N, C-alpha and C. Protein backbone atom coordinates (compact mmCIF):
# COMPACT_ATOMS: atom_id res chain seq x y z
N UNK A 1 66.52 -112.32 22.60
CA UNK A 1 66.99 -111.05 22.15
C UNK A 1 65.90 -110.03 22.45
N UNK A 2 66.30 -108.79 22.70
CA UNK A 2 65.34 -107.72 22.94
C UNK A 2 65.24 -106.84 21.68
N UNK A 3 64.23 -105.99 21.65
CA UNK A 3 64.08 -105.04 20.54
C UNK A 3 65.32 -104.16 20.44
N UNK A 4 65.83 -103.67 21.56
CA UNK A 4 67.01 -102.80 21.54
C UNK A 4 68.24 -103.54 21.00
N UNK A 5 68.41 -104.79 21.40
CA UNK A 5 69.53 -105.58 20.86
C UNK A 5 69.38 -105.76 19.36
N UNK A 6 68.17 -106.02 18.91
CA UNK A 6 67.93 -106.19 17.48
C UNK A 6 68.27 -104.92 16.71
N UNK A 7 67.91 -103.75 17.25
CA UNK A 7 68.24 -102.48 16.59
C UNK A 7 69.75 -102.32 16.40
N UNK A 8 70.52 -102.83 17.33
CA UNK A 8 71.98 -102.73 17.26
C UNK A 8 72.58 -103.72 16.27
N UNK A 9 71.76 -104.67 15.77
CA UNK A 9 72.30 -105.74 14.93
C UNK A 9 71.58 -105.88 13.59
N UNK A 10 71.06 -104.76 13.06
CA UNK A 10 70.47 -104.80 11.72
C UNK A 10 71.54 -105.23 10.74
N UNK A 11 71.20 -106.10 9.82
CA UNK A 11 72.09 -106.71 8.81
C UNK A 11 72.93 -107.86 9.37
N UNK A 12 72.72 -108.24 10.62
CA UNK A 12 73.44 -109.38 11.19
C UNK A 12 72.56 -110.63 11.15
N UNK A 13 73.21 -111.78 11.20
CA UNK A 13 72.51 -113.06 11.15
C UNK A 13 71.92 -113.45 12.49
N UNK A 14 70.77 -114.12 12.42
CA UNK A 14 70.09 -114.63 13.61
C UNK A 14 69.54 -116.02 13.34
N UNK A 15 69.21 -116.71 14.41
CA UNK A 15 68.52 -118.00 14.32
C UNK A 15 67.17 -117.82 15.00
N UNK A 16 66.12 -118.22 14.29
CA UNK A 16 64.76 -118.21 14.83
C UNK A 16 64.47 -119.60 15.40
N UNK A 17 64.03 -119.63 16.64
CA UNK A 17 63.65 -120.89 17.26
C UNK A 17 62.57 -120.60 18.29
N UNK A 18 61.38 -121.21 18.07
CA UNK A 18 60.29 -120.99 19.01
C UNK A 18 59.98 -122.23 19.84
N UNK A 19 60.78 -123.28 19.67
CA UNK A 19 60.57 -124.49 20.45
C UNK A 19 59.65 -125.50 19.81
N UNK A 20 58.99 -125.13 18.72
CA UNK A 20 58.06 -126.03 18.04
C UNK A 20 58.53 -126.38 16.63
N UNK A 21 58.83 -125.37 15.84
CA UNK A 21 59.27 -125.57 14.46
C UNK A 21 60.79 -125.72 14.43
N UNK A 22 61.33 -126.30 13.36
CA UNK A 22 62.79 -126.37 13.23
C UNK A 22 63.40 -124.97 13.19
N UNK A 23 64.61 -124.80 13.72
CA UNK A 23 65.27 -123.49 13.67
C UNK A 23 65.48 -123.02 12.23
N UNK A 24 65.45 -121.70 12.05
CA UNK A 24 65.68 -121.10 10.73
C UNK A 24 66.70 -119.98 10.86
N UNK A 25 67.61 -119.89 9.90
CA UNK A 25 68.57 -118.79 9.85
C UNK A 25 68.00 -117.64 9.04
N UNK A 26 68.38 -116.43 9.41
CA UNK A 26 67.94 -115.25 8.68
C UNK A 26 68.82 -114.06 8.99
N UNK A 27 68.44 -112.91 8.42
CA UNK A 27 69.18 -111.66 8.62
C UNK A 27 68.18 -110.59 9.03
N UNK A 28 68.50 -109.82 10.07
CA UNK A 28 67.64 -108.73 10.51
C UNK A 28 67.69 -107.63 9.45
N UNK A 29 66.50 -107.22 8.97
CA UNK A 29 66.45 -106.15 7.98
C UNK A 29 65.97 -104.83 8.57
N UNK A 30 65.12 -104.89 9.59
CA UNK A 30 64.63 -103.68 10.26
C UNK A 30 63.95 -104.08 11.56
N UNK A 31 63.59 -103.05 12.33
CA UNK A 31 62.97 -103.27 13.64
C UNK A 31 61.87 -102.23 13.83
N UNK A 32 60.70 -102.67 14.30
CA UNK A 32 59.61 -101.74 14.64
C UNK A 32 59.55 -101.61 16.15
N UNK A 33 58.46 -101.07 16.65
CA UNK A 33 58.31 -100.91 18.11
C UNK A 33 58.20 -102.25 18.82
N UNK A 34 57.69 -103.29 18.12
CA UNK A 34 57.48 -104.57 18.81
C UNK A 34 57.95 -105.79 18.03
N UNK A 35 58.31 -105.63 16.76
CA UNK A 35 58.73 -106.77 15.94
C UNK A 35 60.09 -106.55 15.31
N UNK A 36 60.78 -107.65 15.09
CA UNK A 36 62.04 -107.65 14.34
C UNK A 36 61.72 -108.25 12.98
N UNK A 37 62.09 -107.56 11.92
CA UNK A 37 61.83 -108.07 10.57
C UNK A 37 63.07 -108.81 10.10
N UNK A 38 62.85 -110.08 9.77
CA UNK A 38 63.94 -110.99 9.42
C UNK A 38 63.68 -111.57 8.03
N UNK A 39 64.69 -111.53 7.18
CA UNK A 39 64.61 -112.20 5.88
C UNK A 39 65.26 -113.57 6.07
N UNK A 40 64.42 -114.60 6.03
CA UNK A 40 64.89 -115.96 6.26
C UNK A 40 65.47 -116.55 4.98
N UNK A 41 66.38 -117.49 5.12
CA UNK A 41 67.02 -118.15 3.99
C UNK A 41 65.95 -118.71 3.05
N UNK A 42 66.08 -118.38 1.77
CA UNK A 42 65.15 -118.90 0.76
C UNK A 42 63.87 -118.12 0.62
N UNK A 43 63.70 -117.01 1.35
CA UNK A 43 62.51 -116.19 1.21
C UNK A 43 62.88 -114.81 0.70
N UNK A 44 62.07 -114.23 -0.19
CA UNK A 44 62.42 -112.94 -0.77
C UNK A 44 62.10 -111.73 0.12
N UNK A 45 61.19 -111.90 1.08
CA UNK A 45 60.75 -110.77 1.89
C UNK A 45 60.94 -111.05 3.38
N UNK A 46 61.15 -109.99 4.14
CA UNK A 46 61.29 -110.12 5.59
C UNK A 46 59.94 -110.40 6.23
N UNK A 47 59.98 -111.11 7.35
CA UNK A 47 58.77 -111.44 8.12
C UNK A 47 58.91 -110.87 9.52
N UNK A 48 57.81 -110.35 10.05
CA UNK A 48 57.81 -109.85 11.42
C UNK A 48 57.96 -111.01 12.40
N UNK A 49 58.88 -110.87 13.33
CA UNK A 49 59.22 -111.96 14.25
C UNK A 49 59.31 -111.42 15.67
N UNK A 50 58.85 -112.21 16.62
CA UNK A 50 58.99 -111.86 18.03
C UNK A 50 60.47 -111.90 18.39
N UNK A 51 61.02 -110.82 18.93
CA UNK A 51 62.45 -110.81 19.24
C UNK A 51 62.87 -111.88 20.24
N UNK A 52 61.97 -112.31 21.10
CA UNK A 52 62.30 -113.34 22.09
C UNK A 52 62.61 -114.69 21.44
N UNK A 53 62.19 -114.86 20.18
CA UNK A 53 62.43 -116.12 19.46
C UNK A 53 63.72 -116.09 18.64
N UNK A 54 64.52 -115.02 18.78
CA UNK A 54 65.73 -114.87 17.98
C UNK A 54 66.98 -114.94 18.84
N UNK A 55 68.02 -115.54 18.26
CA UNK A 55 69.35 -115.58 18.87
C UNK A 55 70.34 -115.08 17.84
N UNK A 56 71.20 -114.19 18.24
CA UNK A 56 72.20 -113.63 17.34
C UNK A 56 73.26 -114.67 16.99
N UNK A 57 73.57 -114.78 15.72
CA UNK A 57 74.68 -115.63 15.30
C UNK A 57 75.99 -114.92 15.64
N UNK A 58 77.05 -115.65 15.82
CA UNK A 58 78.35 -115.05 16.13
C UNK A 58 78.81 -114.17 14.97
N UNK A 59 79.32 -113.00 15.30
CA UNK A 59 79.90 -112.10 14.30
C UNK A 59 81.40 -112.01 14.54
N UNK A 60 82.12 -111.49 13.58
CA UNK A 60 83.59 -111.42 13.70
C UNK A 60 84.03 -110.68 14.94
N UNK A 61 83.35 -109.58 15.31
CA UNK A 61 83.77 -108.83 16.49
C UNK A 61 83.41 -109.54 17.80
N UNK A 62 82.58 -110.59 17.75
CA UNK A 62 82.27 -111.37 18.96
C UNK A 62 83.26 -112.51 19.13
N UNK A 63 83.95 -112.90 18.07
CA UNK A 63 84.88 -114.03 18.14
C UNK A 63 86.25 -113.55 18.61
N UNK A 64 86.94 -114.37 19.36
CA UNK A 64 88.26 -113.98 19.86
C UNK A 64 89.34 -114.70 19.09
């Protein structure tokens, strides 16, 4: 995912996967110039995340 894609999907679900740790689900809460802030399941606060490590979960408007 790119920073611009993340800006278009604030409040949408994503999966974090960097190839080393197990994947984690979360929700985009905001976007800065270089990081996507994601609130991961079971955590109270968003964490800055590299957008390249995120994949958008399917949303209703993406499903046919």
